[in-house]
Amino acid sequence: MYLIVALAVAIAVGIASIRPVYRIALAKGLVSRDVYKGREGVPRIGGAVALAALVAGYAVLSVEDQRALPLLMSVLAIGAVSIMDDIRSVSAGLRVAASLIPMLVVAAYVGPTLTIPVLGTFSDVVGAAIFLAVPITINAFNMLDVVNGFLPLSNAIISAALLVVAALQGKGDALAPLAVHMAASLALFTVNRYPARMFNGNVGSHVLGASLAAIAALNDLAFYLIVAAMPYMANGILVVYSARGIKQRDVLQRPTRIVDGSVTQNCDSRILTLVRVIVSDGPLDEYGIFRALTVLTFISSLAAVVLCVADLYL
């Protein structure tokens, strides 16, 4: 019953928040330019829709299940900092600190346990890697939020795959939070799908990343999250390796160029990204990149489910 109520509340609050978020963004001048289409004045805090849906859904779940509390606390904490960052850019140190908050919240509720198919279950030092999955996922999602619609749709796909994995493994506690996460992602997709009415902003990528990673850490699904979200992880690895460390985006030379609405690689830049790899064979428009990234996410999410089935039945 609480699952149905939580889903209904998350969807209703998410959809109901769209118009107020849109109006507030325009009234406060919180807008950006759509560089692919040359459109001005696109609201950039659309991720507040997902934040509202997640908070509402997790609040309902927490009435019955105390394990929903760390999810609620995590999205509230990082959501507040991320909205401040979207309104007025905050320091890099505060951003890093904010990404660690959900990790600390989750660590206070569960012990360090990480299960890897074939290898078994680990605790202590190896198991503690589940907590690192939280800030890693938050930042990886932020780094690949580059085209309309991909962030929310990929989150819906990944959470659906993890929901199947959790059901197969008999982890009932994960089903309701994953369903709420999927609902929040789809609510955001309605305004961020191509051509976007609103951009996600840092609040979108950060709260969705924190939510999904916290669910995975709480329910020992971190391995399957890494597999399902492999496009995000691969992009993060490429950027950090080619930039020779973790650096702010605005100090890096852009790895791609936009020419007449199409994206092509910038051969003068040493920075590697997944999008640059995708367009290395030739220019693609924004929707073409969206399709390529979505297909990759579907494949990696399917791989997570296949690995789970293989681990259980082979």
C-alpha atoms as a PDB file:
ATOM      1  CA  MET A   1       0.000   0.000   0.000  1.00  0.00           C
ATOM      2  CA  TYR A   2       2.773   2.443   0.943  1.00  0.00           C
ATOM      3  CA  LEU A   3       4.498   1.718  -2.380  1.00  0.00           C
ATOM      4  CA  ILE A   4       1.383   2.696  -4.332  1.00  0.00           C
ATOM      5  CA  VAL A   5       0.844   5.802  -2.211  1.00  0.00           C
ATOM      6  CA  ALA A   6       4.521   6.802  -2.456  1.00  0.00           C
ATOM      7  CA  LEU A   7       4.477   6.392  -6.244  1.00  0.00           C
ATOM      8  CA  ALA A   8       1.260   8.366  -6.605  1.00  0.00           C
ATOM      9  CA  VAL A   9       2.547  11.155  -4.351  1.00  0.00           C
ATOM     10  CA  ALA A  10       5.940  11.311  -6.100  1.00  0.00           C
ATOM     11  CA  ILE A  11       4.353  11.538  -9.542  1.00  0.00           C
ATOM     12  CA  ALA A  12       1.714  14.056  -8.444  1.00  0.00           C
ATOM     13  CA  VAL A  13       4.208  16.320  -6.642  1.00  0.00           C
ATOM     14  CA  GLY A  14       6.704  16.081  -9.491  1.00  0.00           C
ATOM     15  CA  ILE A  15       4.154  17.063 -12.126  1.00  0.00           C
ATOM     16  CA  ALA A  16       2.593  19.747  -9.897  1.00  0.00           C
ATOM     17  CA  SER A  17       6.013  21.344  -9.301  1.00  0.00           C
ATOM     18  CA  ILE A  18       6.757  21.869 -13.001  1.00  0.00           C
ATOM     19  CA  ARG A  19       4.843  25.117 -13.458  1.00  0.00           C
ATOM     20  CA  PRO A  20       6.083  26.779 -10.199  1.00  0.00           C
ATOM     21  CA  VAL A  21       9.702  25.800 -10.938  1.00  0.00           C
ATOM     22  CA  TYR A  22       9.410  27.164 -14.473  1.00  0.00           C
ATOM     23  CA  ARG A  23       7.904  30.462 -13.318  1.00  0.00           C
ATOM     24  CA  ILE A  24      10.406  30.944 -10.491  1.00  0.00           C
ATOM     25  CA  ALA A  25      13.341  30.294 -12.829  1.00  0.00           C
ATOM     26  CA  LEU A  26      12.090  32.897 -15.318  1.00  0.00           C
ATOM     27  CA  ALA A  27      11.241  35.439 -12.611  1.00  0.00           C
ATOM     28  CA  LYS A  28      14.675  35.123 -10.981  1.00  0.00           C
ATOM     29  CA  GLY A  29      16.586  35.055 -14.260  1.00  0.00           C
ATOM     30  CA  LEU A  30      17.817  31.505 -13.663  1.00  0.00           C
ATOM     31  CA  VAL A  31      18.121  30.752 -17.353  1.00  0.00           C
ATOM     32  CA  SER A  32      20.785  29.538 -19.772  1.00  0.00           C
ATOM     33  CA  ARG A  33      21.384  29.392 -23.504  1.00  0.00           C
ATOM     34  CA  ASP A  34      20.732  26.178 -25.415  1.00  0.00           C
ATOM     35  CA  VAL A  35      23.996  26.072 -27.380  1.00  0.00           C
ATOM     36  CA  TYR A  36      22.788  23.311 -29.715  1.00  0.00           C
ATOM     37  CA  LYS A  37      19.740  25.208 -30.922  1.00  0.00           C
ATOM     38  CA  GLY A  38      20.719  28.822 -30.257  1.00  0.00           C
ATOM     39  CA  ARG A  39      17.736  29.286 -27.924  1.00  0.00           C
ATOM     40  CA  GLU A  40      17.970  31.857 -25.155  1.00  0.00           C
ATOM     41  CA  GLY A  41      16.226  31.933 -21.787  1.00  0.00           C
ATOM     42  CA  VAL A  42      15.865  28.199 -21.007  1.00  0.00           C
ATOM     43  CA  PRO A  43      15.246  27.694 -17.244  1.00  0.00           C
ATOM     44  CA  ARG A  44      18.195  25.865 -15.719  1.00  0.00           C
ATOM     45  CA  ILE A  45      16.794  24.468 -12.444  1.00  0.00           C
ATOM     46  CA  GLY A  46      14.464  21.824 -13.878  1.00  0.00           C
ATOM     47  CA  GLY A  47      16.086  19.263 -11.592  1.00  0.00           C
ATOM     48  CA  ALA A  48      14.026  20.784  -8.767  1.00  0.00           C
ATOM     49  CA  VAL A  49      11.125  18.776 -10.239  1.00  0.00           C
ATOM     50  CA  ALA A  50      12.977  15.526  -9.506  1.00  0.00           C
ATOM     51  CA  LEU A  51      13.971  16.834  -6.066  1.00  0.00           C
ATOM     52  CA  ALA A  52      10.353  17.576  -5.168  1.00  0.00           C
ATOM     53  CA  ALA A  53       9.204  14.147  -6.389  1.00  0.00           C
ATOM     54  CA  LEU A  54      11.964  12.300  -4.516  1.00  0.00           C
ATOM     55  CA  VAL A  55      11.401  14.164  -1.255  1.00  0.00           C
ATOM     56  CA  ALA A  56       7.652  13.537  -1.403  1.00  0.00           C
ATOM     57  CA  GLY A  57       8.013   9.858  -2.277  1.00  0.00           C
ATOM     58  CA  TYR A  58      10.695   9.110   0.320  1.00  0.00           C
ATOM     59  CA  ALA A  59       8.771  11.031   2.987  1.00  0.00           C
ATOM     60  CA  VAL A  60       5.798   8.703   2.452  1.00  0.00           C
ATOM     61  CA  LEU A  61       8.013   5.596   2.511  1.00  0.00           C
ATOM     62  CA  SER A  62       9.765   6.704   5.712  1.00  0.00           C
ATOM     63  CA  VAL A  63       6.462   6.549   7.601  1.00  0.00           C
ATOM     64  CA  GLU A  64       6.584   2.758   7.320  1.00  0.00           C
ATOM     65  CA  ASP A  65      10.242   2.005   6.565  1.00  0.00           C
ATOM     66  CA  GLN A  66      13.065   3.685   8.505  1.00  0.00           C
ATOM     67  CA  ARG A  67      15.494   2.762   5.690  1.00  0.00           C
ATOM     68  CA  ALA A  68      13.892   5.495   3.583  1.00  0.00           C
ATOM     69  CA  LEU A  69      15.121   8.139   6.037  1.00  0.00           C
ATOM     70  CA  PRO A  70      18.749   8.174   4.803  1.00  0.00           C
ATOM     71  CA  LEU A  71      17.418   8.559   1.254  1.00  0.00           C
ATOM     72  CA  LEU A  72      15.249  11.489   2.307  1.00  0.00           C
ATOM     73  CA  MET A  73      18.102  13.110   4.254  1.00  0.00           C
ATOM     74  CA  SER A  74      20.568  12.602   1.397  1.00  0.00           C
ATOM     75  CA  VAL A  75      18.455  14.200  -1.345  1.00  0.00           C
ATOM     76  CA  LEU A  76      17.423  17.072   0.939  1.00  0.00           C
ATOM     77  CA  ALA A  77      21.032  17.869   1.910  1.00  0.00           C
ATOM     78  CA  ILE A  78      22.582  17.718  -1.537  1.00  0.00           C
ATOM     79  CA  GLY A  79      19.486  19.268  -3.120  1.00  0.00           C
ATOM     80  CA  ALA A  80      19.816  22.368  -0.944  1.00  0.00           C
ATOM     81  CA  VAL A  81      23.497  22.865  -1.810  1.00  0.00           C
ATOM     82  CA  SER A  82      22.904  22.149  -5.508  1.00  0.00           C
ATOM     83  CA  ILE A  83      20.089  24.687  -5.792  1.00  0.00           C
ATOM     84  CA  MET A  84      22.370  27.283  -4.191  1.00  0.00           C
ATOM     85  CA  ASP A  85      25.016  26.343  -6.753  1.00  0.00           C
ATOM     86  CA  ASP A  86      22.552  26.779  -9.625  1.00  0.00           C
ATOM     87  CA  ILE A  87      21.429  30.149  -8.288  1.00  0.00           C
ATOM     88  CA  ARG A  88      24.862  31.475  -7.420  1.00  0.00           C
ATOM     89  CA  SER A  89      27.904  29.288  -8.044  1.00  0.00           C
ATOM     90  CA  VAL A  90      29.353  27.954  -4.794  1.00  0.00           C
ATOM     91  CA  SER A  91      32.976  27.068  -4.109  1.00  0.00           C
ATOM     92  CA  ALA A  92      34.441  23.810  -5.385  1.00  0.00           C
ATOM     93  CA  GLY A  93      35.160  22.802  -1.784  1.00  0.00           C
ATOM     94  CA  LEU A  94      31.499  23.104  -0.810  1.00  0.00           C
ATOM     95  CA  ARG A  95      30.477  21.081  -3.855  1.00  0.00           C
ATOM     96  CA  VAL A  96      32.867  18.292  -2.895  1.00  0.00           C
ATOM     97  CA  ALA A  97      31.709  18.404   0.714  1.00  0.00           C
ATOM     98  CA  ALA A  98      28.081  18.223  -0.396  1.00  0.00           C
ATOM     99  CA  SER A  99      28.749  15.081  -2.443  1.00  0.00           C
ATOM    100  CA  LEU A 100      30.166  13.443   0.682  1.00  0.00           C
ATOM    101  CA  ILE A 101      27.082  14.132   2.827  1.00  0.00           C
ATOM    102  CA  PRO A 102      24.947  11.319   1.347  1.00  0.00           C
ATOM    103  CA  MET A 103      27.902   8.937   1.748  1.00  0.00           C
ATOM    104  CA  LEU A 104      28.179   9.772   5.463  1.00  0.00           C
ATOM    105  CA  VAL A 105      24.421   9.495   5.960  1.00  0.00           C
ATOM    106  CA  VAL A 106      24.325   6.047   4.360  1.00  0.00           C
ATOM    107  CA  ALA A 107      27.404   4.929   6.313  1.00  0.00           C
ATOM    108  CA  ALA A 108      25.573   5.768   9.534  1.00  0.00           C
ATOM    109  CA  TYR A 109      22.789   3.304   8.630  1.00  0.00           C
ATOM    110  CA  VAL A 110      24.597   0.313   7.104  1.00  0.00           C
ATOM    111  CA  GLY A 111      27.866  -1.541   7.497  1.00  0.00           C
ATOM    112  CA  PRO A 112      30.456  -1.758   4.709  1.00  0.00           C
ATOM    113  CA  THR A 113      29.314  -4.759   2.643  1.00  0.00           C
ATOM    114  CA  LEU A 114      29.982  -5.185  -1.077  1.00  0.00           C
ATOM    115  CA  THR A 115      28.879  -8.267  -3.008  1.00  0.00           C
ATOM    116  CA  ILE A 116      30.570  -9.032  -6.335  1.00  0.00           C
ATOM    117  CA  PRO A 117      29.291 -11.948  -8.428  1.00  0.00           C
ATOM    118  CA  VAL A 118      31.579 -14.995  -8.396  1.00  0.00           C
ATOM    119  CA  LEU A 119      34.015 -13.341  -5.964  1.00  0.00           C
ATOM    120  CA  GLY A 120      31.553 -13.202  -3.060  1.00  0.00           C
ATOM    121  CA  THR A 121      30.720 -10.718  -0.296  1.00  0.00           C
ATOM    122  CA  PHE A 122      33.342  -8.424   1.188  1.00  0.00           C
ATOM    123  CA  SER A 123      33.344  -6.292   4.313  1.00  0.00           C
ATOM    124  CA  ASP A 124      35.756  -3.897   6.012  1.00  0.00           C
ATOM    125  CA  VAL A 125      38.151  -2.204   3.542  1.00  0.00           C
ATOM    126  CA  VAL A 126      36.802  -3.719   0.315  1.00  0.00           C
ATOM    127  CA  GLY A 127      33.219  -3.398   1.476  1.00  0.00           C
ATOM    128  CA  ALA A 128      33.743   0.286   2.264  1.00  0.00           C
ATOM    129  CA  ALA A 129      33.939   0.858  -1.498  1.00  0.00           C
ATOM    130  CA  ILE A 130      30.120   0.951  -1.509  1.00  0.00           C
ATOM    131  CA  PHE A 131      30.277   4.323   0.237  1.00  0.00           C
ATOM    132  CA  LEU A 132      32.629   5.723  -2.408  1.00  0.00           C
ATOM    133  CA  ALA A 133      30.015   4.794  -5.013  1.00  0.00           C
ATOM    134  CA  VAL A 134      27.860   7.662  -3.708  1.00  0.00           C
ATOM    135  CA  PRO A 135      30.085  10.701  -4.479  1.00  0.00           C
ATOM    136  CA  ILE A 136      31.450   8.954  -7.579  1.00  0.00           C
ATOM    137  CA  THR A 137      27.948   8.478  -8.993  1.00  0.00           C
ATOM    138  CA  ILE A 138      26.915  12.052  -8.150  1.00  0.00           C
ATOM    139  CA  ASN A 139      29.859  13.540 -10.014  1.00  0.00           C
ATOM    140  CA  ALA A 140      29.689  11.042 -12.890  1.00  0.00           C
ATOM    141  CA  PHE A 141      26.051  11.946 -13.533  1.00  0.00           C
ATOM    142  CA  ASN A 142      26.902  15.638 -13.496  1.00  0.00           C
ATOM    143  CA  MET A 143      29.747  15.202 -15.993  1.00  0.00           C
ATOM    144  CA  LEU A 144      27.557  13.488 -18.625  1.00  0.00           C
ATOM    145  CA  ASP A 145      24.462  15.681 -18.375  1.00  0.00           C
ATOM    146  CA  VAL A 146      25.210  17.149 -21.797  1.00  0.00           C
ATOM    147  CA  VAL A 147      22.174  16.636 -24.042  1.00  0.00           C
ATOM    148  CA  ASN A 148      18.431  17.076 -23.629  1.00  0.00           C
ATOM    149  CA  GLY A 149      16.634  14.180 -21.974  1.00  0.00           C
ATOM    150  CA  PHE A 150      19.523  11.792 -21.391  1.00  0.00           C
ATOM    151  CA  LEU A 151      20.008  12.249 -17.628  1.00  0.00           C
ATOM    152  CA  PRO A 152      16.393  11.559 -16.576  1.00  0.00           C
ATOM    153  CA  LEU A 153      15.713   8.842 -19.159  1.00  0.00           C
ATOM    154  CA  SER A 154      18.952   7.000 -18.367  1.00  0.00           C
ATOM    155  CA  ASN A 155      18.087   7.174 -14.667  1.00  0.00           C
ATOM    156  CA  ALA A 156      14.720   5.575 -15.392  1.00  0.00           C
ATOM    157  CA  ILE A 157      16.436   2.803 -17.394  1.00  0.00           C
ATOM    158  CA  ILE A 158      19.124   2.172 -14.758  1.00  0.00           C
ATOM    159  CA  SER A 159      16.663   2.164 -11.859  1.00  0.00           C
ATOM    160  CA  ALA A 160      14.416  -0.266 -13.794  1.00  0.00           C
ATOM    161  CA  ALA A 161      17.385  -2.623 -14.234  1.00  0.00           C
ATOM    162  CA  LEU A 162      18.276  -2.395 -10.540  1.00  0.00           C
ATOM    163  CA  LEU A 163      14.628  -3.018  -9.654  1.00  0.00           C
ATOM    164  CA  VAL A 164      14.748  -6.279 -11.630  1.00  0.00           C
ATOM    165  CA  VAL A 165      18.041  -7.232  -9.958  1.00  0.00           C
ATOM    166  CA  ALA A 166      16.641  -6.487  -6.494  1.00  0.00           C
ATOM    167  CA  ALA A 167      13.512  -8.538  -7.231  1.00  0.00           C
ATOM    168  CA  LEU A 168      15.588 -11.490  -8.446  1.00  0.00           C
ATOM    169  CA  GLN A 169      17.774 -11.325  -5.327  1.00  0.00           C
ATOM    170  CA  GLY A 170      14.792 -11.037  -3.010  1.00  0.00           C
ATOM    171  CA  LYS A 171      15.764  -7.561  -1.768  1.00  0.00           C
ATOM    172  CA  GLY A 172      12.266  -6.273  -1.173  1.00  0.00           C
ATOM    173  CA  ASP A 173      13.433  -3.196   0.751  1.00  0.00           C
ATOM    174  CA  ALA A 174      14.952  -1.776  -2.447  1.00  0.00           C
ATOM    175  CA  LEU A 175      11.862  -2.095  -4.644  1.00  0.00           C
ATOM    176  CA  ALA A 176       9.831   0.870  -3.380  1.00  0.00           C
ATOM    177  CA  PRO A 177      12.741   3.386  -3.354  1.00  0.00           C
ATOM    178  CA  LEU A 178      13.783   2.313  -6.853  1.00  0.00           C
ATOM    179  CA  ALA A 179      10.200   2.731  -8.076  1.00  0.00           C
ATOM    180  CA  VAL A 180      10.052   6.230  -6.549  1.00  0.00           C
ATOM    181  CA  HIS A 181      13.398   7.087  -8.177  1.00  0.00           C
ATOM    182  CA  MET A 182      12.071   5.936 -11.542  1.00  0.00           C
ATOM    183  CA  ALA A 183       8.918   8.026 -11.105  1.00  0.00           C
ATOM    184  CA  ALA A 184      10.958  11.138 -10.237  1.00  0.00           C
ATOM    185  CA  SER A 185      13.212  10.561 -13.257  1.00  0.00           C
ATOM    186  CA  LEU A 186      10.245  10.275 -15.615  1.00  0.00           C
ATOM    187  CA  ALA A 187       8.645  13.404 -14.120  1.00  0.00           C
ATOM    188  CA  LEU A 188      11.851  15.314 -14.918  1.00  0.00           C
ATOM    189  CA  PHE A 189      11.993  13.744 -18.380  1.00  0.00           C
ATOM    190  CA  THR A 190       8.680  15.385 -19.291  1.00  0.00           C
ATOM    191  CA  VAL A 191      10.343  18.824 -19.160  1.00  0.00           C
ATOM    192  CA  ASN A 192      13.901  17.883 -20.149  1.00  0.00           C
ATOM    193  CA  ARG A 193      13.164  15.662 -23.151  1.00  0.00           C
ATOM    194  CA  TYR A 194      14.229  16.981 -26.566  1.00  0.00           C
ATOM    195  CA  PRO A 195      13.699  19.877 -27.162  1.00  0.00           C
ATOM    196  CA  ALA A 196      14.052  20.714 -23.473  1.00  0.00           C
ATOM    197  CA  ARG A 197      11.650  23.139 -21.809  1.00  0.00           C
ATOM    198  CA  MET A 198      14.020  23.196 -18.814  1.00  0.00           C
ATOM    199  CA  PHE A 199      17.603  22.142 -18.195  1.00  0.00           C
ATOM    200  CA  ASN A 200      18.348  19.833 -15.254  1.00  0.00           C
ATOM    201  CA  GLY A 201      20.996  22.009 -13.619  1.00  0.00           C
ATOM    202  CA  ASN A 202      23.341  20.691 -10.946  1.00  0.00           C
ATOM    203  CA  VAL A 203      20.332  20.018  -8.738  1.00  0.00           C
ATOM    204  CA  GLY A 204      19.051  17.454 -11.251  1.00  0.00           C
ATOM    205  CA  SER A 205      22.240  15.448 -11.706  1.00  0.00           C
ATOM    206  CA  HIS A 206      23.225  15.684  -8.039  1.00  0.00           C
ATOM    207  CA  VAL A 207      19.940  14.591  -6.457  1.00  0.00           C
ATOM    208  CA  LEU A 208      19.385  11.776  -8.944  1.00  0.00           C
ATOM    209  CA  GLY A 209      22.957  10.597  -8.468  1.00  0.00           C
ATOM    210  CA  ALA A 210      22.692  10.767  -4.682  1.00  0.00           C
ATOM    211  CA  SER A 211      19.342   9.001  -4.649  1.00  0.00           C
ATOM    212  CA  LEU A 212      20.357   6.100  -6.884  1.00  0.00           C
ATOM    213  CA  ALA A 213      23.763   5.593  -5.270  1.00  0.00           C
ATOM    214  CA  ALA A 214      22.289   5.722  -1.769  1.00  0.00           C
ATOM    215  CA  ILE A 215      19.691   3.078  -2.682  1.00  0.00           C
ATOM    216  CA  ALA A 216      22.456   0.880  -4.103  1.00  0.00           C
ATOM    217  CA  ALA A 217      24.674   1.310  -1.035  1.00  0.00           C
ATOM    218  CA  LEU A 218      21.845   0.618   1.417  1.00  0.00           C
ATOM    219  CA  ASN A 219      20.858  -2.592  -0.382  1.00  0.00           C
ATOM    220  CA  ASP A 220      24.249  -3.917  -1.523  1.00  0.00           C
ATOM    221  CA  LEU A 221      23.546  -3.184  -5.187  1.00  0.00           C
ATOM    222  CA  ALA A 222      26.631  -1.021  -5.809  1.00  0.00           C
ATOM    223  CA  PHE A 223      28.264  -3.516  -8.186  1.00  0.00           C
ATOM    224  CA  TYR A 224      25.153  -3.656 -10.384  1.00  0.00           C
ATOM    225  CA  LEU A 225      24.813   0.134 -10.297  1.00  0.00           C
ATOM    226  CA  ILE A 226      28.361   0.499 -11.609  1.00  0.00           C
ATOM    227  CA  VAL A 227      27.622  -1.946 -14.442  1.00  0.00           C
ATOM    228  CA  ALA A 228      24.247  -0.420 -15.346  1.00  0.00           C
ATOM    229  CA  ALA A 229      25.643   3.135 -15.230  1.00  0.00           C
ATOM    230  CA  MET A 230      28.802   2.215 -17.170  1.00  0.00           C
ATOM    231  CA  PRO A 231      28.417   5.044 -19.756  1.00  0.00           C
ATOM    232  CA  TYR A 232      28.596   7.539 -16.878  1.00  0.00           C
ATOM    233  CA  MET A 233      31.508   5.730 -15.250  1.00  0.00           C
ATOM    234  CA  ALA A 234      33.431   5.399 -18.524  1.00  0.00           C
ATOM    235  CA  ASN A 235      32.964   9.092 -19.269  1.00  0.00           C
ATOM    236  CA  GLY A 236      34.232  10.023 -15.801  1.00  0.00           C
ATOM    237  CA  ILE A 237      37.309   7.838 -16.186  1.00  0.00           C
ATOM    238  CA  LEU A 238      38.076   9.327 -19.610  1.00  0.00           C
ATOM    239  CA  VAL A 239      37.777  12.905 -18.322  1.00  0.00           C
ATOM    240  CA  VAL A 240      39.839  12.379 -15.146  1.00  0.00           C
ATOM    241  CA  TYR A 241      42.558  10.456 -17.017  1.00  0.00           C
ATOM    242  CA  SER A 242      42.871  12.919 -19.894  1.00  0.00           C
ATOM    243  CA  ALA A 243      42.730  15.948 -17.582  1.00  0.00           C
ATOM    244  CA  ARG A 244      45.378  14.340 -15.361  1.00  0.00           C
ATOM    245  CA  GLY A 245      43.268  14.706 -12.265  1.00  0.00           C
ATOM    246  CA  ILE A 246      39.961  16.070 -11.007  1.00  0.00           C
ATOM    247  CA  LYS A 247      39.496  19.637 -12.224  1.00  0.00           C
ATOM    248  CA  GLN A 248      36.633  22.077 -12.605  1.00  0.00           C
ATOM    249  CA  ARG A 249      34.884  21.988 -15.955  1.00  0.00           C
ATOM    250  CA  ASP A 250      35.431  25.669 -16.725  1.00  0.00           C
ATOM    251  CA  VAL A 251      39.245  25.312 -16.694  1.00  0.00           C
ATOM    252  CA  LEU A 252      39.280  22.472 -19.230  1.00  0.00           C
ATOM    253  CA  GLN A 253      39.499  23.019 -22.966  1.00  0.00           C
ATOM    254  CA  ARG A 254      36.267  21.825 -24.587  1.00  0.00           C
ATOM    255  CA  PRO A 255      36.745  18.401 -26.234  1.00  0.00           C
ATOM    256  CA  THR A 256      34.049  19.069 -28.857  1.00  0.00           C
ATOM    257  CA  ARG A 257      32.845  21.898 -31.059  1.00  0.00           C
ATOM    258  CA  ILE A 258      29.346  22.769 -32.243  1.00  0.00           C
ATOM    259  CA  VAL A 259      29.181  23.681 -35.923  1.00  0.00           C
ATOM    260  CA  ASP A 260      25.791  24.462 -37.492  1.00  0.00           C
ATOM    261  CA  GLY A 261      24.021  22.523 -34.741  1.00  0.00           C
ATOM    262  CA  SER A 262      26.195  19.416 -35.059  1.00  0.00           C
ATOM    263  CA  VAL A 263      28.854  18.229 -32.632  1.00  0.00           C
ATOM    264  CA  THR A 264      32.337  17.356 -33.830  1.00  0.00           C
ATOM    265  CA  GLN A 265      35.494  16.607 -31.880  1.00  0.00           C
ATOM    266  CA  ASN A 266      37.951  19.375 -31.081  1.00  0.00           C
ATOM    267  CA  CYS A 267      41.304  17.918 -32.048  1.00  0.00           C
ATOM    268  CA  ASP A 268      43.114  20.782 -30.297  1.00  0.00           C
ATOM    269  CA  SER A 269      41.864  19.583 -26.904  1.00  0.00           C
ATOM    270  CA  ARG A 270      43.510  16.783 -24.974  1.00  0.00           C
ATOM    271  CA  ILE A 271      40.337  16.119 -22.972  1.00  0.00           C
ATOM    272  CA  LEU A 272      38.533  12.880 -23.748  1.00  0.00           C
ATOM    273  CA  THR A 273      34.817  12.338 -23.139  1.00  0.00           C
ATOM    274  CA  LEU A 274      32.325   9.677 -24.155  1.00  0.00           C
ATOM    275  CA  VAL A 275      30.622  12.191 -26.458  1.00  0.00           C
ATOM    276  CA  ARG A 276      33.942  12.891 -28.180  1.00  0.00           C
ATOM    277  CA  VAL A 277      34.396   9.157 -28.746  1.00  0.00           C
ATOM    278  CA  ILE A 278      30.857   8.890 -30.152  1.00  0.00           C
ATOM    279  CA  VAL A 279      31.418  11.718 -32.675  1.00  0.00           C
ATOM    280  CA  SER A 280      34.947  10.603 -33.596  1.00  0.00           C
ATOM    281  CA  ASP A 281      33.633   8.923 -36.777  1.00  0.00           C
ATOM    282  CA  GLY A 282      31.716  12.013 -37.827  1.00  0.00           C
ATOM    283  CA  PRO A 283      29.517  14.865 -36.574  1.00  0.00           C
ATOM    284  CA  LEU A 284      26.174  14.163 -34.912  1.00  0.00           C
ATOM    285  CA  ASP A 285      23.353  16.455 -33.917  1.00  0.00           C
ATOM    286  CA  GLU A 286      22.134  16.622 -30.326  1.00  0.00           C
ATOM    287  CA  TYR A 287      19.375  14.063 -30.819  1.00  0.00           C
ATOM    288  CA  GLY A 288      21.818  11.659 -32.478  1.00  0.00           C
ATOM    289  CA  ILE A 289      24.076  11.864 -29.419  1.00  0.00           C
ATOM    290  CA  PHE A 290      21.049  11.349 -27.159  1.00  0.00           C
ATOM    291  CA  ARG A 291      20.129   8.178 -29.054  1.00  0.00           C
ATOM    292  CA  ALA A 292      23.684   6.830 -28.906  1.00  0.00           C
ATOM    293  CA  LEU A 293      24.017   7.448 -25.169  1.00  0.00           C
ATOM    294  CA  THR A 294      20.586   5.952 -24.491  1.00  0.00           C
ATOM    295  CA  VAL A 295      21.400   2.792 -26.449  1.00  0.00           C
ATOM    296  CA  LEU A 296      24.667   2.412 -24.518  1.00  0.00           C
ATOM    297  CA  THR A 297      22.769   2.797 -21.224  1.00  0.00           C
ATOM    298  CA  PHE A 298      20.180   0.229 -22.266  1.00  0.00           C
ATOM    299  CA  ILE A 299      22.966  -2.236 -23.133  1.00  0.00           C
ATOM    300  CA  SER A 300      24.845  -1.677 -19.857  1.00  0.00           C
ATOM    301  CA  SER A 301      21.603  -1.937 -17.839  1.00  0.00           C
ATOM    302  CA  LEU A 302      20.704  -5.174 -19.612  1.00  0.00           C
ATOM    303  CA  ALA A 303      24.213  -6.434 -18.846  1.00  0.00           C
ATOM    304  CA  ALA A 304      23.612  -5.807 -15.128  1.00  0.00           C
ATOM    305  CA  VAL A 305      20.453  -7.934 -15.225  1.00  0.00           C
ATOM    306  CA  VAL A 306      22.200 -10.705 -17.211  1.00  0.00           C
ATOM    307  CA  LEU A 307      25.077 -10.789 -14.697  1.00  0.00           C
ATOM    308  CA  CYS A 308      22.584 -11.112 -11.846  1.00  0.00           C
ATOM    309  CA  VAL A 309      20.758 -13.997 -13.583  1.00  0.00           C
ATOM    310  CA  ALA A 310      24.065 -15.706 -14.323  1.00  0.00           C
ATOM    311  CA  ASP A 311      25.194 -15.348 -10.712  1.00  0.00           C
ATOM    312  CA  LEU A 312      21.926 -16.800  -9.387  1.00  0.00           C
ATOM    313  CA  TYR A 313      21.290 -19.639 -11.787  1.00  0.00           C
ATOM    314  CA  LEU A 314      24.565 -20.650 -13.475  1.00  0.00           C
END
